[in-house]
């Protein structure tokens, strides 16, 4: 692939625009840029989760997700490009089902927390939901393949299950919402 970026600053974005992968220019506040920028933020948040102690199965799965998120961001950055497919969504579902199989059924809502890795994963989960919302907003005005939205939706579900796994693995346990607590 060689060196793709020989110069980091170009000054072409100083006017508030940025180049898409197809060569067109749009405002940095466009729905498309917001969508793929939030996917990039999500990928960074997953990188923070990966900087913690994790079970190997979780680590390996999240590394694979990071690569797929880079592909997904590319799909959003290049109008008409396809990089996420049904098989990618099915792999997320398989990981989700495998991790969820050993967890007890939920009887209460879970609050973010449960140790550092789980807390970081909760942050990634909420960013995944925001990326999904921004992508849905983009899809209302421009063409976005449904696989992209499906992937982000399933990924947030997977991240929720990973939060549960990590909270339990850390020894902190899940933080359950106490809806009957004393209110002052």
N, C-alpha and C. Protein backbone atom coordinates (compact mmCIF):
# COMPACT_ATOMS: atom_id res chain seq x y z
N UNK A 1 0.82 -1.18 0.00
CA UNK A 1 0.00 0.00 0.00
C UNK A 1 0.87 1.25 0.00
N UNK A 2 2.04 1.20 0.61
CA UNK A 2 2.94 2.35 0.57
C UNK A 2 2.50 3.47 1.50
N UNK A 3 3.19 4.59 1.36
CA UNK A 3 2.84 5.77 2.17
C UNK A 3 1.66 6.48 1.54
N UNK A 4 0.59 6.58 2.28
CA UNK A 4 -0.61 7.24 1.77
C UNK A 4 -0.65 8.70 2.18
N UNK A 5 -0.08 9.02 3.35
CA UNK A 5 -0.09 10.40 3.85
C UNK A 5 1.35 10.86 4.02
N UNK A 6 1.84 11.61 3.06
CA UNK A 6 3.19 12.13 3.21
C UNK A 6 3.17 13.49 3.90
N UNK A 7 2.02 14.16 3.86
CA UNK A 7 1.86 15.44 4.52
C UNK A 7 0.57 15.39 5.32
N UNK A 8 0.64 15.66 6.60
CA UNK A 8 -0.52 15.53 7.47
C UNK A 8 -1.48 16.70 7.31
N UNK A 9 -0.98 17.90 7.19
CA UNK A 9 -1.88 19.03 6.99
C UNK A 9 -1.88 19.45 5.52
N UNK A 10 -3.04 19.77 5.02
CA UNK A 10 -3.19 20.17 3.61
C UNK A 10 -3.77 21.57 3.46
N UNK A 11 -4.39 22.07 4.50
CA UNK A 11 -5.06 23.37 4.53
C UNK A 11 -6.34 23.39 3.69
N UNK A 12 -6.68 22.26 3.05
CA UNK A 12 -7.89 22.25 2.20
C UNK A 12 -9.16 22.31 3.03
N UNK A 13 -9.08 21.97 4.31
CA UNK A 13 -10.26 22.01 5.17
C UNK A 13 -10.41 23.28 5.96
N UNK A 14 -9.52 24.22 5.73
CA UNK A 14 -9.57 25.47 6.49
C UNK A 14 -10.85 26.27 6.23
N UNK A 15 -11.53 25.97 5.13
CA UNK A 15 -12.77 26.69 4.80
C UNK A 15 -14.01 25.99 5.38
N UNK A 16 -13.79 24.94 6.19
CA UNK A 16 -14.92 24.22 6.80
C UNK A 16 -15.44 23.09 5.95
N UNK A 17 -14.70 22.72 4.91
CA UNK A 17 -15.11 21.60 4.07
C UNK A 17 -14.10 20.47 4.21
N UNK A 18 -14.53 19.29 3.75
CA UNK A 18 -13.64 18.13 3.77
C UNK A 18 -13.91 17.30 2.53
N UNK A 19 -12.93 16.52 2.14
CA UNK A 19 -13.08 15.67 0.96
C UNK A 19 -13.62 14.31 1.33
N UNK A 20 -14.59 13.84 0.55
CA UNK A 20 -15.08 12.47 0.70
C UNK A 20 -14.20 11.55 -0.13
N UNK A 21 -14.38 10.27 0.06
CA UNK A 21 -13.57 9.27 -0.62
C UNK A 21 -13.75 9.26 -2.13
N UNK A 22 -14.85 9.83 -2.62
CA UNK A 22 -15.07 9.89 -4.07
C UNK A 22 -14.53 11.17 -4.69
N UNK A 23 -13.87 12.00 -3.87
CA UNK A 23 -13.29 13.24 -4.38
C UNK A 23 -14.17 14.47 -4.21
N UNK A 24 -15.44 14.28 -3.92
CA UNK A 24 -16.32 15.43 -3.73
C UNK A 24 -16.02 16.09 -2.39
N UNK A 25 -16.44 17.34 -2.26
CA UNK A 25 -16.22 18.09 -1.02
C UNK A 25 -17.56 18.44 -0.41
N UNK A 26 -17.61 18.33 0.91
CA UNK A 26 -18.82 18.65 1.66
C UNK A 26 -18.41 19.42 2.91
N UNK A 27 -19.40 20.02 3.56
CA UNK A 27 -19.13 20.71 4.81
C UNK A 27 -18.76 19.71 5.90
N UNK A 28 -17.87 20.13 6.79
CA UNK A 28 -17.46 19.25 7.88
C UNK A 28 -18.61 18.95 8.82
N UNK A 29 -19.68 19.72 8.73
CA UNK A 29 -20.85 19.47 9.56
C UNK A 29 -21.96 18.73 8.81
N UNK A 30 -21.64 18.17 7.66
CA UNK A 30 -22.64 17.43 6.90
C UNK A 30 -23.03 16.15 7.64
N UNK A 31 -24.21 15.66 7.35
CA UNK A 31 -24.68 14.43 8.00
C UNK A 31 -23.74 13.26 7.72
N UNK A 32 -23.19 13.20 6.52
CA UNK A 32 -22.28 12.10 6.16
C UNK A 32 -21.02 12.15 7.01
N UNK A 33 -20.44 13.33 7.13
CA UNK A 33 -19.21 13.47 7.92
C UNK A 33 -19.50 13.21 9.40
N UNK A 34 -20.65 13.68 9.87
CA UNK A 34 -21.04 13.41 11.26
C UNK A 34 -21.17 11.92 11.49
N UNK A 35 -21.77 11.19 10.54
CA UNK A 35 -21.96 9.74 10.69
C UNK A 35 -20.61 9.02 10.73
N UNK A 36 -19.75 9.27 9.73
CA UNK A 36 -18.50 8.51 9.74
C UNK A 36 -17.54 9.02 10.81
N UNK A 37 -17.67 10.28 11.20
CA UNK A 37 -16.86 10.79 12.31
C UNK A 37 -17.24 10.13 13.63
N UNK A 38 -18.52 9.87 13.81
CA UNK A 38 -18.96 9.20 15.04
C UNK A 38 -18.53 7.74 15.03
N UNK A 39 -18.50 7.12 13.86
CA UNK A 39 -17.97 5.75 13.75
C UNK A 39 -16.49 5.75 14.13
N UNK A 40 -15.76 6.77 13.71
CA UNK A 40 -14.35 6.89 14.08
C UNK A 40 -14.20 7.06 15.59
N UNK A 41 -15.07 7.88 16.18
CA UNK A 41 -15.07 8.06 17.64
C UNK A 41 -15.35 6.73 18.34
N UNK A 42 -16.30 5.97 17.82
CA UNK A 42 -16.61 4.66 18.37
C UNK A 42 -15.40 3.75 18.30
N UNK A 43 -14.71 3.76 17.18
CA UNK A 43 -13.52 2.92 17.03
C UNK A 43 -12.46 3.31 18.08
N UNK A 44 -12.32 4.60 18.32
CA UNK A 44 -11.38 5.06 19.35
C UNK A 44 -11.80 4.60 20.73
N UNK A 45 -13.10 4.66 21.02
CA UNK A 45 -13.61 4.21 22.32
C UNK A 45 -13.35 2.72 22.51
N UNK A 46 -13.49 1.95 21.45
CA UNK A 46 -13.18 0.53 21.54
C UNK A 46 -11.68 0.34 21.79
N UNK A 47 -10.86 1.21 21.21
CA UNK A 47 -9.42 1.18 21.48
C UNK A 47 -9.12 1.39 22.96
N UNK A 48 -9.90 2.24 23.62
CA UNK A 48 -9.73 2.46 25.06
C UNK A 48 -10.09 1.18 25.82
N UNK A 49 -11.18 0.53 25.42
CA UNK A 49 -11.55 -0.74 26.04
C UNK A 49 -10.41 -1.74 25.86
N UNK A 50 -9.84 -1.79 24.67
CA UNK A 50 -8.76 -2.73 24.39
C UNK A 50 -7.48 -2.43 25.18
N UNK A 51 -7.37 -1.23 25.73
CA UNK A 51 -6.19 -0.87 26.53
C UNK A 51 -6.29 -1.41 27.95
N UNK A 52 -7.40 -2.08 28.27
CA UNK A 52 -7.59 -2.64 29.61
C UNK A 52 -7.37 -4.15 29.56
N UNK A 53 -7.40 -4.77 30.73
CA UNK A 53 -7.30 -6.22 30.82
C UNK A 53 -8.62 -6.83 30.37
N UNK A 54 -8.55 -7.74 29.41
CA UNK A 54 -9.76 -8.36 28.84
C UNK A 54 -9.56 -9.85 28.66
N UNK A 55 -10.64 -10.61 28.73
CA UNK A 55 -10.57 -12.02 28.33
C UNK A 55 -10.19 -12.09 26.84
N UNK A 56 -9.43 -13.10 26.47
CA UNK A 56 -8.96 -13.23 25.09
C UNK A 56 -10.08 -13.20 24.07
N UNK A 57 -11.18 -13.89 24.34
CA UNK A 57 -12.29 -13.94 23.38
C UNK A 57 -12.87 -12.55 23.14
N UNK A 58 -12.96 -11.76 24.20
CA UNK A 58 -13.47 -10.39 24.06
C UNK A 58 -12.48 -9.55 23.28
N UNK A 59 -11.20 -9.65 23.64
CA UNK A 59 -10.15 -8.88 22.95
C UNK A 59 -10.15 -9.20 21.45
N UNK A 60 -10.13 -10.46 21.11
CA UNK A 60 -10.08 -10.85 19.70
C UNK A 60 -11.31 -10.35 18.94
N UNK A 61 -12.47 -10.45 19.57
CA UNK A 61 -13.69 -9.98 18.92
C UNK A 61 -13.68 -8.48 18.71
N UNK A 62 -13.20 -7.72 19.69
CA UNK A 62 -13.17 -6.26 19.57
C UNK A 62 -12.15 -5.80 18.53
N UNK A 63 -11.04 -6.50 18.43
CA UNK A 63 -10.07 -6.16 17.39
C UNK A 63 -10.69 -6.37 16.01
N UNK A 64 -11.42 -7.46 15.83
CA UNK A 64 -12.10 -7.70 14.55
C UNK A 64 -13.12 -6.59 14.29
N UNK A 65 -13.84 -6.18 15.32
CA UNK A 65 -14.82 -5.10 15.18
C UNK A 65 -14.13 -3.81 14.76
N UNK A 66 -12.98 -3.51 15.33
CA UNK A 66 -12.28 -2.29 14.94
C UNK A 66 -11.98 -2.26 13.45
N UNK A 67 -11.55 -3.38 12.91
CA UNK A 67 -11.27 -3.44 11.47
C UNK A 67 -12.55 -3.24 10.66
N UNK A 68 -13.63 -3.87 11.12
CA UNK A 68 -14.91 -3.71 10.41
C UNK A 68 -15.42 -2.28 10.51
N UNK A 69 -15.23 -1.64 11.65
CA UNK A 69 -15.65 -0.24 11.78
C UNK A 69 -14.87 0.66 10.84
N UNK A 70 -13.60 0.35 10.61
CA UNK A 70 -12.83 1.12 9.65
C UNK A 70 -13.43 0.95 8.26
N UNK A 71 -13.81 -0.29 7.93
CA UNK A 71 -14.48 -0.56 6.65
C UNK A 71 -15.80 0.20 6.57
N UNK A 72 -16.57 0.16 7.66
CA UNK A 72 -17.87 0.82 7.70
C UNK A 72 -17.71 2.33 7.52
N UNK A 73 -16.73 2.90 8.19
CA UNK A 73 -16.46 4.33 8.01
C UNK A 73 -16.11 4.64 6.57
N UNK A 74 -15.36 3.74 5.94
CA UNK A 74 -15.04 3.92 4.52
C UNK A 74 -16.27 3.88 3.65
N UNK A 75 -17.20 2.99 3.98
CA UNK A 75 -18.44 2.93 3.22
C UNK A 75 -19.22 4.24 3.35
N UNK A 76 -19.25 4.79 4.54
CA UNK A 76 -19.95 6.06 4.73
C UNK A 76 -19.21 7.23 4.07
N UNK A 77 -17.90 7.14 4.00
CA UNK A 77 -17.09 8.21 3.42
C UNK A 77 -17.08 8.20 1.89
N UNK A 78 -17.39 7.06 1.31
CA UNK A 78 -17.37 6.94 -0.16
C UNK A 78 -18.79 6.62 -0.62
N UNK A 79 -19.56 7.62 -1.00
CA UNK A 79 -20.93 7.36 -1.45
C UNK A 79 -20.96 6.28 -2.54
N UNK A 80 -21.84 5.30 -2.35
CA UNK A 80 -21.98 4.21 -3.32
C UNK A 80 -21.08 3.02 -3.05
N UNK A 81 -20.16 3.13 -2.12
CA UNK A 81 -19.24 2.04 -1.80
C UNK A 81 -19.91 1.05 -0.84
N UNK A 82 -19.61 -0.23 -0.99
CA UNK A 82 -20.15 -1.27 -0.09
C UNK A 82 -18.99 -1.99 0.58
N UNK A 83 -19.01 -2.02 1.91
CA UNK A 83 -17.94 -2.69 2.66
C UNK A 83 -18.46 -3.55 3.80
N UNK A 84 -19.71 -3.37 4.21
CA UNK A 84 -20.31 -4.15 5.28
C UNK A 84 -21.43 -4.99 4.68
N UNK A 85 -21.43 -6.28 5.02
CA UNK A 85 -22.37 -7.20 4.39
C UNK A 85 -23.11 -8.02 5.45
N UNK A 86 -24.12 -8.72 5.02
CA UNK A 86 -24.92 -9.54 5.92
C UNK A 86 -24.05 -10.50 6.72
N UNK A 87 -23.03 -11.07 6.12
CA UNK A 87 -22.14 -12.01 6.83
C UNK A 87 -21.45 -11.32 8.01
N UNK A 88 -21.13 -10.03 7.89
CA UNK A 88 -20.51 -9.29 8.99
C UNK A 88 -21.48 -9.17 10.16
N UNK A 89 -22.75 -8.90 9.85
CA UNK A 89 -23.78 -8.78 10.89
C UNK A 89 -23.99 -10.14 11.55
N UNK A 90 -24.01 -11.20 10.75
CA UNK A 90 -24.19 -12.54 11.30
C UNK A 90 -23.05 -12.92 12.23
N UNK A 91 -21.81 -12.50 11.91
CA UNK A 91 -20.67 -12.78 12.80
C UNK A 91 -20.85 -12.05 14.14
N UNK A 92 -21.36 -10.81 14.10
CA UNK A 92 -21.64 -10.11 15.35
C UNK A 92 -22.67 -10.87 16.17
N UNK A 93 -23.72 -11.34 15.50
CA UNK A 93 -24.77 -12.08 16.20
C UNK A 93 -24.23 -13.37 16.81
N UNK A 94 -23.34 -14.05 16.11
CA UNK A 94 -22.75 -15.28 16.64
C UNK A 94 -21.92 -14.98 17.88
N UNK A 95 -21.11 -13.90 17.83
CA UNK A 95 -20.32 -13.51 19.01
C UNK A 95 -21.24 -13.14 20.17
N UNK A 96 -22.28 -12.40 19.86
CA UNK A 96 -23.23 -11.97 20.87
C UNK A 96 -23.88 -13.18 21.53
N UNK A 97 -24.37 -14.10 20.72
CA UNK A 97 -25.03 -15.30 21.26
C UNK A 97 -24.07 -16.13 22.11
N UNK A 98 -22.82 -16.27 21.66
CA UNK A 98 -21.84 -17.06 22.41
C UNK A 98 -21.53 -16.43 23.77
N UNK A 99 -21.36 -15.11 23.80
CA UNK A 99 -21.06 -14.43 25.06
C UNK A 99 -22.27 -14.38 25.98
N UNK A 100 -23.45 -14.24 25.41
CA UNK A 100 -24.67 -14.12 26.20
C UNK A 100 -25.12 -15.46 26.79
N UNK A 101 -24.68 -16.56 26.19
CA UNK A 101 -25.13 -17.89 26.61
C UNK A 101 -24.84 -18.18 28.08
N UNK A 102 -23.72 -17.67 28.60
CA UNK A 102 -23.34 -17.96 29.98
C UNK A 102 -23.82 -16.91 30.98
N UNK A 103 -24.53 -15.89 30.50
CA UNK A 103 -25.00 -14.84 31.40
C UNK A 103 -26.39 -15.16 31.92
N UNK A 104 -26.66 -14.78 33.16
CA UNK A 104 -28.02 -14.98 33.67
C UNK A 104 -28.99 -14.02 32.98
N UNK A 105 -30.27 -14.40 32.91
CA UNK A 105 -31.26 -13.49 32.30
C UNK A 105 -31.32 -12.18 33.08
N UNK A 106 -31.60 -11.12 32.34
CA UNK A 106 -31.73 -9.80 32.97
C UNK A 106 -33.09 -9.68 33.65
N UNK A 107 -33.06 -9.18 34.88
CA UNK A 107 -34.31 -8.93 35.60
C UNK A 107 -34.42 -7.45 35.97
N UNK A 108 -33.33 -6.73 35.84
CA UNK A 108 -33.27 -5.30 36.18
C UNK A 108 -32.48 -4.58 35.08
N UNK A 109 -32.63 -3.26 35.03
CA UNK A 109 -31.79 -2.47 34.15
C UNK A 109 -30.39 -2.40 34.75
N UNK A 110 -29.40 -2.27 33.89
CA UNK A 110 -28.01 -2.19 34.32
C UNK A 110 -27.52 -0.76 34.12
N UNK A 111 -26.87 -0.23 35.14
CA UNK A 111 -26.27 1.09 35.04
C UNK A 111 -24.83 0.96 34.56
N UNK A 112 -24.31 1.97 33.86
CA UNK A 112 -22.91 1.92 33.45
C UNK A 112 -21.99 1.82 34.65
N UNK A 113 -21.01 0.97 34.57
CA UNK A 113 -20.06 0.74 35.66
C UNK A 113 -19.63 -0.71 35.65
N UNK A 114 -19.29 -1.23 36.81
CA UNK A 114 -18.89 -2.62 36.90
C UNK A 114 -17.41 -2.85 36.65
N UNK A 115 -16.58 -1.86 36.99
CA UNK A 115 -15.14 -1.97 36.75
C UNK A 115 -14.74 -1.11 35.56
N UNK A 116 -13.47 -0.86 35.45
CA UNK A 116 -12.97 0.08 34.43
C UNK A 116 -13.25 -0.40 33.01
N UNK A 117 -12.97 -1.67 32.72
CA UNK A 117 -13.19 -2.17 31.36
C UNK A 117 -14.67 -2.12 30.99
N UNK A 118 -15.53 -2.53 31.90
CA UNK A 118 -16.97 -2.49 31.64
C UNK A 118 -17.46 -1.07 31.46
N UNK A 119 -16.96 -0.15 32.29
CA UNK A 119 -17.37 1.25 32.19
C UNK A 119 -16.95 1.84 30.84
N UNK A 120 -15.73 1.56 30.42
CA UNK A 120 -15.29 2.02 29.10
C UNK A 120 -16.14 1.40 27.99
N UNK A 121 -16.50 0.15 28.17
CA UNK A 121 -17.32 -0.52 27.16
C UNK A 121 -18.72 0.09 27.11
N UNK A 122 -19.25 0.51 28.26
CA UNK A 122 -20.53 1.22 28.26
C UNK A 122 -20.42 2.53 27.46
N UNK A 123 -19.29 3.22 27.60
CA UNK A 123 -19.09 4.44 26.80
C UNK A 123 -19.11 4.10 25.31
N UNK A 124 -18.40 3.04 24.94
CA UNK A 124 -18.39 2.63 23.53
C UNK A 124 -19.80 2.26 23.06
N UNK A 125 -20.55 1.59 23.92
CA UNK A 125 -21.93 1.21 23.57
C UNK A 125 -22.78 2.44 23.27
N UNK A 126 -22.66 3.47 24.10
CA UNK A 126 -23.48 4.66 23.86
C UNK A 126 -23.03 5.41 22.62
N UNK A 127 -21.75 5.37 22.32
CA UNK A 127 -21.26 6.00 21.09
C UNK A 127 -21.75 5.20 19.88
N UNK A 128 -21.83 3.87 20.01
CA UNK A 128 -22.38 3.05 18.92
C UNK A 128 -23.83 3.45 18.65
N UNK A 129 -24.60 3.68 19.69
CA UNK A 129 -26.00 4.11 19.52
C UNK A 129 -26.06 5.47 18.82
N UNK A 130 -25.16 6.37 19.21
CA UNK A 130 -25.14 7.69 18.57
C UNK A 130 -24.73 7.57 17.10
N UNK A 131 -23.74 6.72 16.81
CA UNK A 131 -23.35 6.50 15.42
C UNK A 131 -24.52 5.96 14.61
N UNK A 132 -25.28 5.07 15.22
CA UNK A 132 -26.46 4.52 14.55
C UNK A 132 -27.48 5.64 14.28
N UNK A 133 -27.74 6.49 15.28
CA UNK A 133 -28.71 7.59 15.09
C UNK A 133 -28.26 8.53 13.97
N UNK A 134 -26.98 8.87 13.95
CA UNK A 134 -26.47 9.77 12.91
C UNK A 134 -26.56 9.11 11.53
N UNK A 135 -26.32 7.81 11.48
CA UNK A 135 -26.40 7.10 10.20
C UNK A 135 -27.84 7.00 9.73
N UNK A 136 -28.77 6.79 10.64
CA UNK A 136 -30.20 6.80 10.28
C UNK A 136 -30.60 8.17 9.75
N UNK A 137 -30.13 9.23 10.40
CA UNK A 137 -30.43 10.59 9.92
C UNK A 137 -29.88 10.79 8.51
N UNK A 138 -28.68 10.32 8.26
CA UNK A 138 -28.09 10.41 6.92
C UNK A 138 -28.93 9.63 5.91
N UNK A 139 -29.36 8.44 6.30
CA UNK A 139 -30.13 7.57 5.39
C UNK A 139 -31.49 8.18 5.02
N UNK A 140 -31.97 9.12 5.80
CA UNK A 140 -33.23 9.78 5.47
C UNK A 140 -33.09 10.75 4.30
N UNK A 141 -31.85 11.21 4.05
CA UNK A 141 -31.65 12.20 2.98
C UNK A 141 -30.69 11.75 1.89
N UNK A 142 -29.90 10.72 2.15
CA UNK A 142 -28.96 10.18 1.16
C UNK A 142 -29.02 8.66 1.20
N UNK A 143 -28.48 8.05 0.19
CA UNK A 143 -28.50 6.59 0.14
C UNK A 143 -27.46 6.01 1.09
N UNK A 144 -27.94 5.16 1.99
CA UNK A 144 -27.09 4.39 2.89
C UNK A 144 -27.63 2.97 2.86
N UNK A 145 -26.75 2.02 2.62
CA UNK A 145 -27.19 0.62 2.58
C UNK A 145 -27.70 0.19 3.96
N UNK A 146 -28.78 -0.57 4.03
CA UNK A 146 -29.34 -0.96 5.32
C UNK A 146 -28.37 -1.78 6.17
N UNK A 147 -27.44 -2.48 5.55
CA UNK A 147 -26.48 -3.28 6.31
C UNK A 147 -25.67 -2.42 7.28
N UNK A 148 -25.42 -1.17 6.91
CA UNK A 148 -24.63 -0.29 7.78
C UNK A 148 -25.39 -0.02 9.09
N UNK A 149 -26.67 0.32 8.96
CA UNK A 149 -27.49 0.58 10.14
C UNK A 149 -27.65 -0.70 10.96
N UNK A 150 -27.89 -1.81 10.29
CA UNK A 150 -28.06 -3.10 10.99
C UNK A 150 -26.80 -3.45 11.76
N UNK A 151 -25.63 -3.22 11.15
CA UNK A 151 -24.36 -3.54 11.80
C UNK A 151 -24.20 -2.71 13.08
N UNK A 152 -24.44 -1.41 12.99
CA UNK A 152 -24.29 -0.55 14.16
C UNK A 152 -25.28 -0.93 15.26
N UNK A 153 -26.50 -1.29 14.87
CA UNK A 153 -27.49 -1.69 15.85
C UNK A 153 -27.06 -2.96 16.57
N UNK A 154 -26.61 -3.94 15.82
CA UNK A 154 -26.17 -5.20 16.42
C UNK A 154 -24.91 -5.01 17.23
N UNK A 155 -24.03 -4.12 16.78
CA UNK A 155 -22.79 -3.87 17.52
C UNK A 155 -23.10 -3.29 18.90
N UNK A 156 -24.05 -2.38 18.98
CA UNK A 156 -24.38 -1.82 20.30
C UNK A 156 -24.94 -2.91 21.21
N UNK A 157 -25.68 -3.85 20.65
CA UNK A 157 -26.17 -4.99 21.44
C UNK A 157 -24.99 -5.85 21.92
N UNK A 158 -24.06 -6.12 21.03
CA UNK A 158 -22.88 -6.90 21.40
C UNK A 158 -22.08 -6.19 22.49
N UNK A 159 -21.91 -4.89 22.36
CA UNK A 159 -21.17 -4.15 23.37
C UNK A 159 -21.86 -4.21 24.73
N UNK A 160 -23.19 -4.20 24.73
CA UNK A 160 -23.93 -4.33 25.99
C UNK A 160 -23.62 -5.68 26.65
N UNK A 161 -23.64 -6.73 25.86
CA UNK A 161 -23.34 -8.06 26.41
C UNK A 161 -21.89 -8.12 26.88
N UNK A 162 -20.98 -7.50 26.14
CA UNK A 162 -19.58 -7.47 26.57
C UNK A 162 -19.46 -6.71 27.89
N UNK A 163 -20.22 -5.63 28.07
CA UNK A 163 -20.22 -4.90 29.34
C UNK A 163 -20.57 -5.85 30.48
N UNK A 164 -21.59 -6.65 30.27
CA UNK A 164 -22.01 -7.60 31.31
C UNK A 164 -20.90 -8.62 31.60
N UNK A 165 -20.29 -9.14 30.55
CA UNK A 165 -19.21 -10.11 30.71
C UNK A 165 -18.05 -9.48 31.48
N UNK A 166 -17.67 -8.26 31.10
CA UNK A 166 -16.53 -7.61 31.73
C UNK A 166 -16.80 -7.26 33.19
N UNK A 167 -18.02 -6.82 33.48
CA UNK A 167 -18.36 -6.50 34.87
C UNK A 167 -18.24 -7.74 35.75
N UNK A 168 -18.68 -8.86 35.24
CA UNK A 168 -18.60 -10.10 36.00
C UNK A 168 -17.15 -10.59 36.10
N UNK A 169 -16.40 -10.48 35.00
CA UNK A 169 -15.01 -10.95 35.00
C UNK A 169 -14.13 -10.12 35.93
N UNK A 170 -14.47 -8.86 36.12
CA UNK A 170 -13.65 -7.97 36.96
C UNK A 170 -13.85 -8.23 38.44
N UNK A 171 -14.94 -8.92 38.79
CA UNK A 171 -15.27 -9.13 40.19
C UNK A 171 -16.13 -8.02 40.76
N UNK A 172 -16.32 -6.94 40.02
CA UNK A 172 -17.17 -5.84 40.49
C UNK A 172 -18.64 -6.19 40.36
N UNK A 173 -18.97 -6.97 39.37
CA UNK A 173 -20.36 -7.31 39.11
C UNK A 173 -21.09 -6.18 38.42
N UNK A 174 -22.27 -6.50 37.96
CA UNK A 174 -23.09 -5.52 37.26
C UNK A 174 -23.72 -4.56 38.26
N UNK A 175 -23.86 -3.31 37.86
CA UNK A 175 -24.49 -2.30 38.70
C UNK A 175 -25.96 -2.25 38.28
N UNK A 176 -26.81 -2.74 39.16
CA UNK A 176 -28.24 -2.79 38.84
C UNK A 176 -28.94 -1.51 39.26
N UNK A 177 -29.86 -1.06 38.44
CA UNK A 177 -30.67 0.11 38.76
C UNK A 177 -31.64 -0.26 39.87
N UNK A 178 -31.64 0.53 40.91
CA UNK A 178 -32.54 0.31 42.03
C UNK A 178 -33.70 1.28 41.90
N UNK A 179 -34.78 0.82 41.32
CA UNK A 179 -35.91 1.69 41.09
C UNK A 179 -36.73 1.93 42.37
N UNK A 180 -36.46 1.17 43.41
CA UNK A 180 -37.18 1.34 44.68
C UNK A 180 -36.33 2.02 45.74
N UNK A 181 -35.26 2.70 45.34
CA UNK A 181 -34.38 3.36 46.30
C UNK A 181 -35.11 4.52 46.99
N UNK A 182 -34.60 4.90 48.13
CA UNK A 182 -35.15 6.05 48.86
C UNK A 182 -34.80 7.32 48.10
N UNK A 183 -35.76 8.14 47.90
CA UNK A 183 -35.52 9.44 47.23
C UNK A 183 -35.71 10.53 48.27
N UNK A 184 -34.76 11.43 48.30
CA UNK A 184 -34.89 12.51 49.28
C UNK A 184 -35.31 13.81 48.63
